[in-house]
Amino acid sequence: MTDVLERTVTQQPTMRGVIDKIFRQMFENTCQALEVMDGKKLREQSWNRDQKGIWTVGKSSEDAIYIDRALHDGNVFEKMGANYVAIEGELPSGMSFQQSGALATGAADQMITTRGNRFFATGSSFVIHPHNPMAPTAHVNYRYFQISNGNQPIYWWLGGGADLTPAYLFAEDAIHFHQVHKEVCDKYDSSYYPRFKKWCDEYFHIPHRAESRGIGGIFFDHLNNGNPQKLLSFVTNCADAFIPAYLPIVERRKDMPFTEANKNWQHLVRGRYVEFILSCDRGIRFGLASGMVKQQSVFNCMPPAASWEYDDQPVPGSKEAMLKEVLKNPRDWL
């Protein structure tokens, strides 16, 4: 592992010069496509930090280090939260990437904490909640981390993924979403899709429910073993794949008829989404603990309405029960 770390350091200096621009373009392209489908514009709030590290309202999104965008009660989407970040700073004293869960490799964490504590992070994230319960909630997030000692980078990695959380399961939707992402993965490495699909199933799992948050997609973290430009190209292509993977599903489902009972079930599924974010998501834990993520941004991704009922088991043989079975036993869609 040490050899890999040292090799990435020597390749790194060209990365940061382009990567924040690439992630910003990902953010803008996805926002534009979602606005076109909905017909309503996202509202924006930009943020900076003063010399004391206090968050302040940004004067311009061009100069901001953090951008939140939100849509409420749109034509297609009931709520959408999006953010872009390009932030630099120092890890708080005693903060460990390994302990926070943001980095899964203890040896790398030890190297980082002994050799440098300055970080640069950039990425974009979207959580999308459609009105119609037949259309699935979707999440997509891609990010880049760099650790430096002064101005000298010593370690970096890429991470992210995309996944679906339906209230009502349509097999053709799941197949389409997975197939689009598999095609991107296969262009770079035939092992990527099976690895990252399994990783997604394992990560988006709610232990206290013994079920998955949704029907998966792809997820990876700590990706740095290989040519940096090729890995960046892979992540860029993954981000570009989200719109053709997700919007055709929304187009098929957004005008389907539904009942109040369907909407109530959607609220229960959204409750599970909230549980995962608050109790399981390690990125949120690290972001809040490090000050890298604003509290408003965390809650910007929450569903507009969610509910909990005592022993909310669906009727056996129902469509709701079919979804429950898949959430407890992740399926191979391809």
C-alpha atoms as a PDB file:
ATOM      1  CA  MET A   1       0.000   0.000   0.000  1.00  0.00           C
ATOM      2  CA  THR A   2       2.841   2.395   0.779  1.00  0.00           C
ATOM      3  CA  ASP A   3       4.163   2.076  -2.773  1.00  0.00           C
ATOM      4  CA  VAL A   4       0.765   3.070  -4.117  1.00  0.00           C
ATOM      5  CA  LEU A   5       0.651   6.089  -1.806  1.00  0.00           C
ATOM      6  CA  GLU A   6       4.078   7.297  -2.812  1.00  0.00           C
ATOM      7  CA  ARG A   7       3.358   6.800  -6.514  1.00  0.00           C
ATOM      8  CA  THR A   8       0.139   8.824  -6.376  1.00  0.00           C
ATOM      9  CA  VAL A   9       1.993  11.690  -4.699  1.00  0.00           C
ATOM     10  CA  THR A  10       4.431  12.009  -7.597  1.00  0.00           C
ATOM     11  CA  GLN A  11       1.541  12.007 -10.093  1.00  0.00           C
ATOM     12  CA  GLN A  12      -0.686  14.345  -8.139  1.00  0.00           C
ATOM     13  CA  PRO A  13       0.373  17.984  -8.828  1.00  0.00           C
ATOM     14  CA  THR A  14      -1.518  18.211 -12.156  1.00  0.00           C
ATOM     15  CA  MET A  15      -4.767  16.906 -10.643  1.00  0.00           C
ATOM     16  CA  ARG A  16      -6.009  19.795  -8.568  1.00  0.00           C
ATOM     17  CA  GLY A  17      -5.450  22.312 -11.337  1.00  0.00           C
ATOM     18  CA  VAL A  18      -8.341  20.841 -13.343  1.00  0.00           C
ATOM     19  CA  ILE A  19     -10.402  18.743 -10.994  1.00  0.00           C
ATOM     20  CA  ASP A  20     -12.406  21.436  -9.225  1.00  0.00           C
ATOM     21  CA  LYS A  21     -13.460  22.856 -12.618  1.00  0.00           C
ATOM     22  CA  ILE A  22     -14.562  19.403 -13.762  1.00  0.00           C
ATOM     23  CA  PHE A  23     -16.658  18.847 -10.645  1.00  0.00           C
ATOM     24  CA  ARG A  24     -18.212  22.307 -10.993  1.00  0.00           C
ATOM     25  CA  GLN A  25     -19.175  21.501 -14.573  1.00  0.00           C
ATOM     26  CA  MET A  26     -20.726  18.196 -13.405  1.00  0.00           C
ATOM     27  CA  PHE A  27     -22.808  20.194 -10.950  1.00  0.00           C
ATOM     28  CA  GLU A  28     -23.989  22.748 -13.523  1.00  0.00           C
ATOM     29  CA  ASN A  29     -24.833  20.138 -16.172  1.00  0.00           C
ATOM     30  CA  THR A  30     -26.924  18.060 -13.776  1.00  0.00           C
ATOM     31  CA  CYS A  31     -28.748  21.105 -12.394  1.00  0.00           C
ATOM     32  CA  GLN A  32     -29.607  22.258 -15.911  1.00  0.00           C
ATOM     33  CA  ALA A  33     -30.978  18.862 -16.989  1.00  0.00           C
ATOM     34  CA  LEU A  34     -33.155  18.571 -13.880  1.00  0.00           C
ATOM     35  CA  GLU A  35     -34.475  22.115 -14.312  1.00  0.00           C
ATOM     36  CA  VAL A  36     -35.404  21.382 -17.925  1.00  0.00           C
ATOM     37  CA  MET A  37     -37.422  18.337 -16.878  1.00  0.00           C
ATOM     38  CA  ASP A  38     -39.173  20.091 -14.015  1.00  0.00           C
ATOM     39  CA  GLY A  39     -39.715  23.468 -15.649  1.00  0.00           C
ATOM     40  CA  LYS A  40     -38.840  25.263 -12.425  1.00  0.00           C
ATOM     41  CA  LYS A  41     -35.519  26.832 -11.448  1.00  0.00           C
ATOM     42  CA  LEU A  42     -33.449  25.801  -8.450  1.00  0.00           C
ATOM     43  CA  ARG A  43     -32.930  28.494  -5.827  1.00  0.00           C
ATOM     44  CA  GLU A  44     -29.296  29.167  -4.912  1.00  0.00           C
ATOM     45  CA  GLN A  45     -27.417  30.161  -1.786  1.00  0.00           C
ATOM     46  CA  SER A  46     -23.639  30.507  -1.894  1.00  0.00           C
ATOM     47  CA  TRP A  47     -21.247  30.486   1.057  1.00  0.00           C
ATOM     48  CA  ASN A  48     -17.700  31.473   1.946  1.00  0.00           C
ATOM     49  CA  ARG A  49     -15.655  31.323   5.145  1.00  0.00           C
ATOM     50  CA  ASP A  50     -14.034  34.249   6.913  1.00  0.00           C
ATOM     51  CA  GLN A  51     -10.539  34.223   8.441  1.00  0.00           C
ATOM     52  CA  LYS A  52     -11.926  32.671  11.625  1.00  0.00           C
ATOM     53  CA  GLY A  53     -13.515  29.828   9.680  1.00  0.00           C
ATOM     54  CA  ILE A  54     -17.065  31.139  10.177  1.00  0.00           C
ATOM     55  CA  TRP A  55     -19.487  30.531   7.330  1.00  0.00           C
ATOM     56  CA  THR A  56     -20.634  33.750   5.655  1.00  0.00           C
ATOM     57  CA  VAL A  57     -23.115  34.377   2.853  1.00  0.00           C
ATOM     58  CA  GLY A  58     -21.310  34.558  -0.479  1.00  0.00           C
ATOM     59  CA  LYS A  59     -21.566  37.581  -2.706  1.00  0.00           C
ATOM     60  CA  SER A  60     -21.180  35.563  -5.897  1.00  0.00           C
ATOM     61  CA  SER A  61     -21.372  31.875  -6.756  1.00  0.00           C
ATOM     62  CA  GLU A  62     -18.264  32.335  -8.900  1.00  0.00           C
ATOM     63  CA  ASP A  63     -16.176  33.036  -5.799  1.00  0.00           C
ATOM     64  CA  ALA A  64     -18.049  30.767  -3.369  1.00  0.00           C
ATOM     65  CA  ILE A  65     -16.492  27.665  -1.870  1.00  0.00           C
ATOM     66  CA  TYR A  66     -19.895  26.141  -1.150  1.00  0.00           C
ATOM     67  CA  ILE A  67     -23.092  26.355  -3.195  1.00  0.00           C
ATOM     68  CA  ASP A  68     -26.480  25.043  -2.123  1.00  0.00           C
ATOM     69  CA  ARG A  69     -29.364  24.827  -4.557  1.00  0.00           C
ATOM     70  CA  ALA A  70     -32.887  23.729  -3.719  1.00  0.00           C
ATOM     71  CA  LEU A  71     -36.222  23.156  -5.382  1.00  0.00           C
ATOM     72  CA  HIS A  72     -39.473  22.833  -3.432  1.00  0.00           C
ATOM     73  CA  ASP A  73     -42.849  21.854  -4.851  1.00  0.00           C
ATOM     74  CA  GLY A  74     -41.787  21.758  -8.466  1.00  0.00           C
ATOM     75  CA  ASN A  75     -43.856  20.398 -11.325  1.00  0.00           C
ATOM     76  CA  VAL A  76     -42.205  16.963 -11.255  1.00  0.00           C
ATOM     77  CA  PHE A  77     -39.975  17.026  -8.195  1.00  0.00           C
ATOM     78  CA  GLU A  78     -41.469  17.591  -4.774  1.00  0.00           C
ATOM     79  CA  LYS A  79     -38.065  18.495  -3.391  1.00  0.00           C
ATOM     80  CA  MET A  80     -34.508  18.517  -4.649  1.00  0.00           C
ATOM     81  CA  GLY A  81     -31.314  19.371  -2.808  1.00  0.00           C
ATOM     82  CA  ALA A  82     -28.009  19.949  -4.590  1.00  0.00           C
ATOM     83  CA  ASN A  83     -24.628  21.203  -3.482  1.00  0.00           C
ATOM     84  CA  TYR A  84     -21.167  21.868  -4.815  1.00  0.00           C
ATOM     85  CA  VAL A  85     -18.091  22.368  -2.659  1.00  0.00           C
ATOM     86  CA  ALA A  86     -14.456  23.284  -3.298  1.00  0.00           C
ATOM     87  CA  ILE A  87     -12.991  23.869   0.135  1.00  0.00           C
ATOM     88  CA  GLU A  88      -9.514  23.970   1.644  1.00  0.00           C
ATOM     89  CA  GLY A  89      -8.534  23.937   5.291  1.00  0.00           C
ATOM     90  CA  GLU A  90      -6.958  22.000   8.140  1.00  0.00           C
ATOM     91  CA  LEU A  91      -8.333  18.940   9.845  1.00  0.00           C
ATOM     92  CA  PRO A  92      -9.285  19.805  13.435  1.00  0.00           C
ATOM     93  CA  SER A  93      -6.838  18.668  16.100  1.00  0.00           C
ATOM     94  CA  GLY A  94      -7.409  14.999  16.859  1.00  0.00           C
ATOM     95  CA  MET A  95      -9.602  14.480  13.785  1.00  0.00           C
ATOM     96  CA  SER A  96      -8.947  11.169  12.073  1.00  0.00           C
ATOM     97  CA  PHE A  97     -10.277  10.183   8.677  1.00  0.00           C
ATOM     98  CA  GLN A  98     -10.287   6.560   9.815  1.00  0.00           C
ATOM     99  CA  GLN A  99     -12.191   7.252  13.029  1.00  0.00           C
ATOM    100  CA  SER A 100     -14.758   9.391  11.231  1.00  0.00           C
ATOM    101  CA  GLY A 101     -15.269   6.732   8.587  1.00  0.00           C
ATOM    102  CA  ALA A 102     -14.333   9.021   5.693  1.00  0.00           C
ATOM    103  CA  LEU A 103     -11.290   6.889   4.910  1.00  0.00           C
ATOM    104  CA  ALA A 104     -11.419   3.133   5.187  1.00  0.00           C
ATOM    105  CA  THR A 105      -7.694   2.390   5.334  1.00  0.00           C
ATOM    106  CA  GLY A 106      -5.943   2.581   8.691  1.00  0.00           C
ATOM    107  CA  ALA A 107      -2.423   2.582   7.240  1.00  0.00           C
ATOM    108  CA  ALA A 108      -3.256   5.523   4.994  1.00  0.00           C
ATOM    109  CA  ASP A 109      -4.891   7.359   7.874  1.00  0.00           C
ATOM    110  CA  GLN A 110      -1.749   6.955   9.985  1.00  0.00           C
ATOM    111  CA  MET A 111       0.383   8.293   7.155  1.00  0.00           C
ATOM    112  CA  ILE A 112      -1.900  11.300   6.724  1.00  0.00           C
ATOM    113  CA  THR A 113      -2.069  12.271  10.374  1.00  0.00           C
ATOM    114  CA  THR A 114       1.702  12.015  10.805  1.00  0.00           C
ATOM    115  CA  ARG A 115       2.694  13.818   7.601  1.00  0.00           C
ATOM    116  CA  GLY A 116       0.022  16.406   6.918  1.00  0.00           C
ATOM    117  CA  ASN A 117      -3.343  17.702   7.981  1.00  0.00           C
ATOM    118  CA  ARG A 118      -4.309  20.233   5.309  1.00  0.00           C
ATOM    119  CA  PHE A 119      -7.113  19.087   3.059  1.00  0.00           C
ATOM    120  CA  PHE A 120      -8.718  20.092  -0.202  1.00  0.00           C
ATOM    121  CA  ALA A 121     -12.096  18.643  -1.081  1.00  0.00           C
ATOM    122  CA  THR A 122     -14.382  19.166  -4.032  1.00  0.00           C
ATOM    123  CA  GLY A 123     -17.505  17.429  -5.192  1.00  0.00           C
ATOM    124  CA  SER A 124     -21.154  17.687  -6.053  1.00  0.00           C
ATOM    125  CA  SER A 125     -24.181  15.924  -4.611  1.00  0.00           C
ATOM    126  CA  PHE A 126     -27.870  15.625  -5.513  1.00  0.00           C
ATOM    127  CA  VAL A 127     -30.849  14.086  -3.745  1.00  0.00           C
ATOM    128  CA  ILE A 128     -34.074  14.136  -5.767  1.00  0.00           C
ATOM    129  CA  HIS A 129     -37.571  13.377  -4.430  1.00  0.00           C
ATOM    130  CA  PRO A 130     -40.309  13.243  -7.106  1.00  0.00           C
ATOM    131  CA  HIS A 131     -43.960  14.020  -6.341  1.00  0.00           C
ATOM    132  CA  ASN A 132     -45.281  10.784  -7.813  1.00  0.00           C
ATOM    133  CA  PRO A 133     -44.639   7.761  -5.547  1.00  0.00           C
ATOM    134  CA  MET A 134     -44.221   5.611  -8.665  1.00  0.00           C
ATOM    135  CA  ALA A 135     -41.060   7.590  -9.529  1.00  0.00           C
ATOM    136  CA  PRO A 136     -38.025   6.751  -7.376  1.00  0.00           C
ATOM    137  CA  THR A 137     -35.962   9.015  -5.192  1.00  0.00           C
ATOM    138  CA  ALA A 138     -32.407   9.214  -6.515  1.00  0.00           C
ATOM    139  CA  HIS A 139     -29.046  10.172  -5.074  1.00  0.00           C
ATOM    140  CA  VAL A 140     -25.801  10.940  -6.879  1.00  0.00           C
ATOM    141  CA  ASN A 141     -22.540  12.197  -5.424  1.00  0.00           C
ATOM    142  CA  TYR A 142     -18.966  12.301  -6.695  1.00  0.00           C
ATOM    143  CA  ARG A 143     -16.042  13.776  -4.781  1.00  0.00           C
ATOM    144  CA  TYR A 144     -12.282  14.228  -4.573  1.00  0.00           C
ATOM    145  CA  PHE A 145     -10.114  14.544  -1.440  1.00  0.00           C
ATOM    146  CA  GLN A 146      -6.510  15.658  -1.172  1.00  0.00           C
ATOM    147  CA  ILE A 147      -4.295  15.769   1.922  1.00  0.00           C
ATOM    148  CA  SER A 148      -1.234  18.006   1.942  1.00  0.00           C
ATOM    149  CA  ASN A 149       1.709  18.927   4.104  1.00  0.00           C
ATOM    150  CA  GLY A 150       1.959  22.661   3.483  1.00  0.00           C
ATOM    151  CA  ASN A 151       1.736  23.004  -0.291  1.00  0.00           C
ATOM    152  CA  GLN A 152       2.966  19.479  -0.945  1.00  0.00           C
ATOM    153  CA  PRO A 153       0.200  16.923  -1.669  1.00  0.00           C
ATOM    154  CA  ILE A 154       0.845  13.590   0.004  1.00  0.00           C
ATOM    155  CA  TYR A 155      -2.358  11.665  -0.639  1.00  0.00           C
ATOM    156  CA  TRP A 156      -5.579  11.811  -2.702  1.00  0.00           C
ATOM    157  CA  TRP A 157      -8.594   9.728  -3.592  1.00  0.00           C
ATOM    158  CA  LEU A 158     -11.869   9.767  -5.527  1.00  0.00           C
ATOM    159  CA  GLY A 159     -15.225   8.449  -4.432  1.00  0.00           C
ATOM    160  CA  GLY A 160     -18.939   8.535  -5.054  1.00  0.00           C
ATOM    161  CA  GLY A 161     -21.772   6.784  -6.805  1.00  0.00           C
ATOM    162  CA  ALA A 162     -25.453   6.850  -7.698  1.00  0.00           C
ATOM    163  CA  ASP A 163     -28.417   4.838  -6.423  1.00  0.00           C
ATOM    164  CA  LEU A 164     -32.213   4.544  -6.526  1.00  0.00           C
ATOM    165  CA  THR A 165     -34.706   4.438  -3.656  1.00  0.00           C
ATOM    166  CA  PRO A 166     -38.127   3.528  -5.066  1.00  0.00           C
ATOM    167  CA  ALA A 167     -41.366   3.348  -3.123  1.00  0.00           C
ATOM    168  CA  TYR A 168     -42.760   1.086  -5.849  1.00  0.00           C
ATOM    169  CA  LEU A 169     -40.484  -1.288  -7.680  1.00  0.00           C
ATOM    170  CA  PHE A 170     -40.506  -1.643 -11.466  1.00  0.00           C
ATOM    171  CA  ALA A 171     -37.935  -4.187 -12.605  1.00  0.00           C
ATOM    172  CA  GLU A 172     -37.377  -2.453 -15.948  1.00  0.00           C
ATOM    173  CA  ASP A 173     -36.411   0.749 -14.128  1.00  0.00           C
ATOM    174  CA  ALA A 174     -33.868  -1.054 -11.962  1.00  0.00           C
ATOM    175  CA  ILE A 175     -32.422  -2.848 -14.983  1.00  0.00           C
ATOM    176  CA  HIS A 176     -32.108   0.382 -16.950  1.00  0.00           C
ATOM    177  CA  PHE A 177     -30.414   2.281 -14.119  1.00  0.00           C
ATOM    178  CA  HIS A 178     -27.908  -0.508 -13.474  1.00  0.00           C
ATOM    179  CA  GLN A 179     -27.261  -1.150 -17.183  1.00  0.00           C
ATOM    180  CA  VAL A 180     -26.321   2.470 -17.909  1.00  0.00           C
ATOM    181  CA  HIS A 181     -23.832   2.481 -15.053  1.00  0.00           C
ATOM    182  CA  LYS A 182     -22.449  -0.934 -15.960  1.00  0.00           C
ATOM    183  CA  GLU A 183     -21.710   0.246 -19.490  1.00  0.00           C
ATOM    184  CA  VAL A 184     -19.622   3.118 -18.123  1.00  0.00           C
ATOM    185  CA  CYS A 185     -17.786   0.833 -15.700  1.00  0.00           C
ATOM    186  CA  ASP A 186     -17.051  -1.758 -18.390  1.00  0.00           C
ATOM    187  CA  LYS A 187     -15.292   0.822 -20.555  1.00  0.00           C
ATOM    188  CA  TYR A 188     -12.622   1.140 -17.879  1.00  0.00           C
ATOM    189  CA  ASP A 189     -12.497  -2.174 -16.029  1.00  0.00           C
ATOM    190  CA  SER A 190     -14.792  -5.197 -16.248  1.00  0.00           C
ATOM    191  CA  SER A 191     -14.378  -5.729 -12.506  1.00  0.00           C
ATOM    192  CA  TYR A 192     -15.733  -2.274 -11.634  1.00  0.00           C
ATOM    193  CA  TYR A 193     -19.469  -2.867 -11.939  1.00  0.00           C
ATOM    194  CA  PRO A 194     -19.709  -6.080  -9.868  1.00  0.00           C
ATOM    195  CA  ARG A 195     -17.392  -4.582  -7.233  1.00  0.00           C
ATOM    196  CA  PHE A 196     -19.104  -1.230  -7.047  1.00  0.00           C
ATOM    197  CA  LYS A 197     -22.621  -2.690  -7.217  1.00  0.00           C
ATOM    198  CA  LYS A 198     -21.823  -4.929  -4.244  1.00  0.00           C
ATOM    199  CA  TRP A 199     -20.196  -2.000  -2.430  1.00  0.00           C
ATOM    200  CA  CYS A 200     -23.354   0.053  -3.001  1.00  0.00           C
ATOM    201  CA  ASP A 201     -25.574  -2.699  -1.577  1.00  0.00           C
ATOM    202  CA  GLU A 202     -23.353  -2.976   1.477  1.00  0.00           C
ATOM    203  CA  TYR A 203     -22.934   0.748   2.086  1.00  0.00           C
ATOM    204  CA  PHE A 204     -26.566   1.823   1.708  1.00  0.00           C
ATOM    205  CA  HIS A 205     -27.701  -0.662   4.324  1.00  0.00           C
ATOM    206  CA  ILE A 206     -29.695   0.170   7.449  1.00  0.00           C
ATOM    207  CA  PRO A 207     -28.474  -2.283  10.109  1.00  0.00           C
ATOM    208  CA  HIS A 208     -31.219  -1.627  12.634  1.00  0.00           C
ATOM    209  CA  ARG A 209     -33.807  -2.410   9.929  1.00  0.00           C
ATOM    210  CA  ALA A 210     -31.860  -5.279   8.352  1.00  0.00           C
ATOM    211  CA  GLU A 211     -32.704  -3.847   4.953  1.00  0.00           C
ATOM    212  CA  SER A 212     -31.177  -1.712   2.195  1.00  0.00           C
ATOM    213  CA  ARG A 213     -32.096   1.912   1.682  1.00  0.00           C
ATOM    214  CA  GLY A 214     -32.992   1.218  -1.940  1.00  0.00           C
ATOM    215  CA  ILE A 215     -32.241  -1.007  -4.924  1.00  0.00           C
ATOM    216  CA  GLY A 216     -28.651   0.120  -5.341  1.00  0.00           C
ATOM    217  CA  GLY A 217     -26.544   1.315  -8.219  1.00  0.00           C
ATOM    218  CA  ILE A 218     -22.797   1.833  -7.882  1.00  0.00           C
ATOM    219  CA  PHE A 219     -20.662   3.166  -5.048  1.00  0.00           C
ATOM    220  CA  PHE A 220     -16.910   3.348  -4.486  1.00  0.00           C
ATOM    221  CA  ASP A 221     -14.518   5.133  -2.199  1.00  0.00           C
ATOM    222  CA  HIS A 222     -10.773   5.593  -1.770  1.00  0.00           C
ATOM    223  CA  LEU A 223     -10.195   5.109  -5.510  1.00  0.00           C
ATOM    224  CA  ASN A 224      -6.591   6.031  -6.301  1.00  0.00           C
ATOM    225  CA  ASN A 225      -4.857   2.900  -7.550  1.00  0.00           C
ATOM    226  CA  GLY A 226      -4.104   3.639 -11.177  1.00  0.00           C
ATOM    227  CA  ASN A 227      -3.469   6.448 -13.611  1.00  0.00           C
ATOM    228  CA  PRO A 228      -4.990   9.626 -12.085  1.00  0.00           C
ATOM    229  CA  GLN A 229      -6.185  11.037 -15.397  1.00  0.00           C
ATOM    230  CA  LYS A 230      -7.899   7.741 -16.286  1.00  0.00           C
ATOM    231  CA  LEU A 231      -9.572   7.551 -12.879  1.00  0.00           C
ATOM    232  CA  LEU A 232     -10.754  11.139 -13.209  1.00  0.00           C
ATOM    233  CA  SER A 233     -12.134  10.363 -16.657  1.00  0.00           C
ATOM    234  CA  PHE A 234     -13.976   7.382 -15.188  1.00  0.00           C
ATOM    235  CA  VAL A 235     -15.568   9.486 -12.461  1.00  0.00           C
ATOM    236  CA  THR A 236     -16.517  12.184 -14.981  1.00  0.00           C
ATOM    237  CA  ASN A 237     -18.209   9.588 -17.184  1.00  0.00           C
ATOM    238  CA  CYS A 238     -20.042   8.149 -14.183  1.00  0.00           C
ATOM    239  CA  ALA A 239     -21.372  11.595 -13.315  1.00  0.00           C
ATOM    240  CA  ASP A 240     -22.445  12.153 -16.921  1.00  0.00           C
ATOM    241  CA  ALA A 241     -24.271   8.798 -16.884  1.00  0.00           C
ATOM    242  CA  PHE A 242     -26.649   9.776 -14.098  1.00  0.00           C
ATOM    243  CA  ILE A 243     -29.021  11.867 -16.230  1.00  0.00           C
ATOM    244  CA  PRO A 244     -29.567   9.206 -18.947  1.00  0.00           C
ATOM    245  CA  ALA A 245     -29.838   6.574 -16.202  1.00  0.00           C
ATOM    246  CA  TYR A 246     -32.437   8.426 -14.123  1.00  0.00           C
ATOM    247  CA  LEU A 247     -34.511  10.882 -16.156  1.00  0.00           C
ATOM    248  CA  PRO A 248     -36.033   8.291 -18.533  1.00  0.00           C
ATOM    249  CA  ILE A 249     -37.357   6.499 -15.438  1.00  0.00           C
ATOM    250  CA  VAL A 250     -38.925   9.698 -14.130  1.00  0.00           C
ATOM    251  CA  GLU A 251     -40.420  10.383 -17.559  1.00  0.00           C
ATOM    252  CA  ARG A 252     -42.111   6.960 -17.516  1.00  0.00           C
ATOM    253  CA  ARG A 253     -43.498   7.316 -13.982  1.00  0.00           C
ATOM    254  CA  LYS A 254     -44.204  10.991 -13.296  1.00  0.00           C
ATOM    255  CA  ASP A 255     -47.764  10.976 -14.696  1.00  0.00           C
ATOM    256  CA  MET A 256     -48.883   7.555 -13.481  1.00  0.00           C
ATOM    257  CA  PRO A 257     -52.053   7.512 -11.352  1.00  0.00           C
ATOM    258  CA  PHE A 258     -51.600   6.983  -7.606  1.00  0.00           C
ATOM    259  CA  THR A 259     -53.719   6.918  -4.460  1.00  0.00           C
ATOM    260  CA  GLU A 260     -53.426   8.441  -1.020  1.00  0.00           C
ATOM    261  CA  ALA A 261     -52.353   5.003   0.223  1.00  0.00           C
ATOM    262  CA  ASN A 262     -49.499   5.036  -2.313  1.00  0.00           C
ATOM    263  CA  LYS A 263     -48.420   8.446  -1.033  1.00  0.00           C
ATOM    264  CA  ASN A 264     -48.519   7.217   2.572  1.00  0.00           C
ATOM    265  CA  TRP A 265     -46.245   4.306   1.648  1.00  0.00           C
ATOM    266  CA  GLN A 266     -43.874   6.717  -0.086  1.00  0.00           C
ATOM    267  CA  HIS A 267     -43.661   8.665   3.188  1.00  0.00           C
ATOM    268  CA  LEU A 268     -42.748   5.489   5.086  1.00  0.00           C
ATOM    269  CA  VAL A 269     -39.988   4.707   2.582  1.00  0.00           C
ATOM    270  CA  ARG A 270     -38.747   8.264   2.927  1.00  0.00           C
ATOM    271  CA  GLY A 271     -38.603   7.731   6.686  1.00  0.00           C
ATOM    272  CA  ARG A 272     -36.040   4.988   6.087  1.00  0.00           C
ATOM    273  CA  TYR A 273     -34.081   7.450   3.948  1.00  0.00           C
ATOM    274  CA  VAL A 274     -33.934   9.877   6.864  1.00  0.00           C
ATOM    275  CA  GLU A 275     -32.833   7.096   9.227  1.00  0.00           C
ATOM    276  CA  PHE A 276     -29.937   6.186   6.961  1.00  0.00           C
ATOM    277  CA  ILE A 277     -28.687   9.754   6.598  1.00  0.00           C
ATOM    278  CA  LEU A 278     -28.800  10.478  10.324  1.00  0.00           C
ATOM    279  CA  SER A 279     -27.550   7.169  11.691  1.00  0.00           C
ATOM    280  CA  CYS A 280     -25.495   5.431   8.993  1.00  0.00           C
ATOM    281  CA  ASP A 281     -23.974   7.839   6.488  1.00  0.00           C
ATOM    282  CA  ARG A 282     -20.285   8.220   7.310  1.00  0.00           C
ATOM    283  CA  GLY A 283     -19.765  11.103   4.879  1.00  0.00           C
ATOM    284  CA  ILE A 284     -22.306  13.203   6.759  1.00  0.00           C
ATOM    285  CA  ARG A 285     -20.639  12.354  10.082  1.00  0.00           C
ATOM    286  CA  PHE A 286     -17.234  13.396   8.803  1.00  0.00           C
ATOM    287  CA  GLY A 287     -18.550  16.492   7.046  1.00  0.00           C
ATOM    288  CA  LEU A 288     -20.288  17.835  10.132  1.00  0.00           C
ATOM    289  CA  ALA A 289     -17.440  16.908  12.494  1.00  0.00           C
ATOM    290  CA  SER A 290     -14.796  18.538  10.282  1.00  0.00           C
ATOM    291  CA  GLY A 291     -16.858  21.610   9.448  1.00  0.00           C
ATOM    292  CA  MET A 292     -16.567  20.732   5.767  1.00  0.00           C
ATOM    293  CA  VAL A 293     -20.351  20.466   5.365  1.00  0.00           C
ATOM    294  CA  LYS A 294     -22.932  23.032   6.418  1.00  0.00           C
ATOM    295  CA  GLN A 295     -25.851  21.837   8.514  1.00  0.00           C
ATOM    296  CA  GLN A 296     -28.263  23.434   6.057  1.00  0.00           C
ATOM    297  CA  SER A 297     -26.821  21.282   3.281  1.00  0.00           C
ATOM    298  CA  VAL A 298     -27.458  18.072   5.208  1.00  0.00           C
ATOM    299  CA  PHE A 299     -31.098  18.903   5.758  1.00  0.00           C
ATOM    300  CA  ASN A 300     -31.466  20.254   2.241  1.00  0.00           C
ATOM    301  CA  CYS A 301     -31.276  16.639   1.048  1.00  0.00           C
ATOM    302  CA  MET A 302     -34.004  15.398   3.385  1.00  0.00           C
ATOM    303  CA  PRO A 303     -37.397  14.456   1.929  1.00  0.00           C
ATOM    304  CA  PRO A 304     -40.157  17.076   2.161  1.00  0.00           C
ATOM    305  CA  ALA A 305     -42.362  14.723   4.191  1.00  0.00           C
ATOM    306  CA  ALA A 306     -41.713  11.409   5.909  1.00  0.00           C
ATOM    307  CA  SER A 307     -43.582   9.259   8.401  1.00  0.00           C
ATOM    308  CA  TRP A 308     -43.166   6.396  10.806  1.00  0.00           C
ATOM    309  CA  GLU A 309     -45.764   3.912  11.990  1.00  0.00           C
ATOM    310  CA  TYR A 310     -45.577   1.202  14.597  1.00  0.00           C
ATOM    311  CA  ASP A 311     -44.794  -2.173  12.972  1.00  0.00           C
ATOM    312  CA  ASP A 312     -45.355  -0.889   9.454  1.00  0.00           C
ATOM    313  CA  GLN A 313     -45.413  -4.280   7.730  1.00  0.00           C
ATOM    314  CA  PRO A 314     -47.067  -4.305   4.272  1.00  0.00           C
ATOM    315  CA  VAL A 315     -49.863  -6.687   3.322  1.00  0.00           C
ATOM    316  CA  PRO A 316     -48.402 -10.039   2.173  1.00  0.00           C
ATOM    317  CA  GLY A 317     -48.372 -10.356  -1.616  1.00  0.00           C
ATOM    318  CA  SER A 318     -48.763  -6.601  -2.162  1.00  0.00           C
ATOM    319  CA  LYS A 319     -46.501  -4.387  -4.276  1.00  0.00           C
ATOM    320  CA  GLU A 320     -45.241  -2.871  -1.040  1.00  0.00           C
ATOM    321  CA  ALA A 321     -44.341  -6.338   0.261  1.00  0.00           C
ATOM    322  CA  MET A 322     -42.494  -7.080  -2.990  1.00  0.00           C
ATOM    323  CA  LEU A 323     -40.329  -4.003  -2.463  1.00  0.00           C
ATOM    324  CA  LYS A 324     -39.704  -4.969   1.155  1.00  0.00           C
ATOM    325  CA  GLU A 325     -38.438  -8.390   0.075  1.00  0.00           C
ATOM    326  CA  VAL A 326     -35.935  -6.840  -2.344  1.00  0.00           C
ATOM    327  CA  LEU A 327     -34.740  -4.368   0.296  1.00  0.00           C
ATOM    328  CA  LYS A 328     -34.021  -7.252   2.658  1.00  0.00           C
ATOM    329  CA  ASN A 329     -32.391  -9.374  -0.058  1.00  0.00           C
ATOM    330  CA  PRO A 330     -30.529  -7.242  -2.643  1.00  0.00           C
ATOM    331  CA  ARG A 331     -30.974  -8.526  -6.165  1.00  0.00           C
ATOM    332  CA  ASP A 332     -28.624  -8.802  -9.140  1.00  0.00           C
ATOM    333  CA  TRP A 333     -30.450  -6.847 -11.833  1.00  0.00           C
ATOM    334  CA  LEU A 334     -28.219  -7.709 -14.781  1.00  0.00           C
END
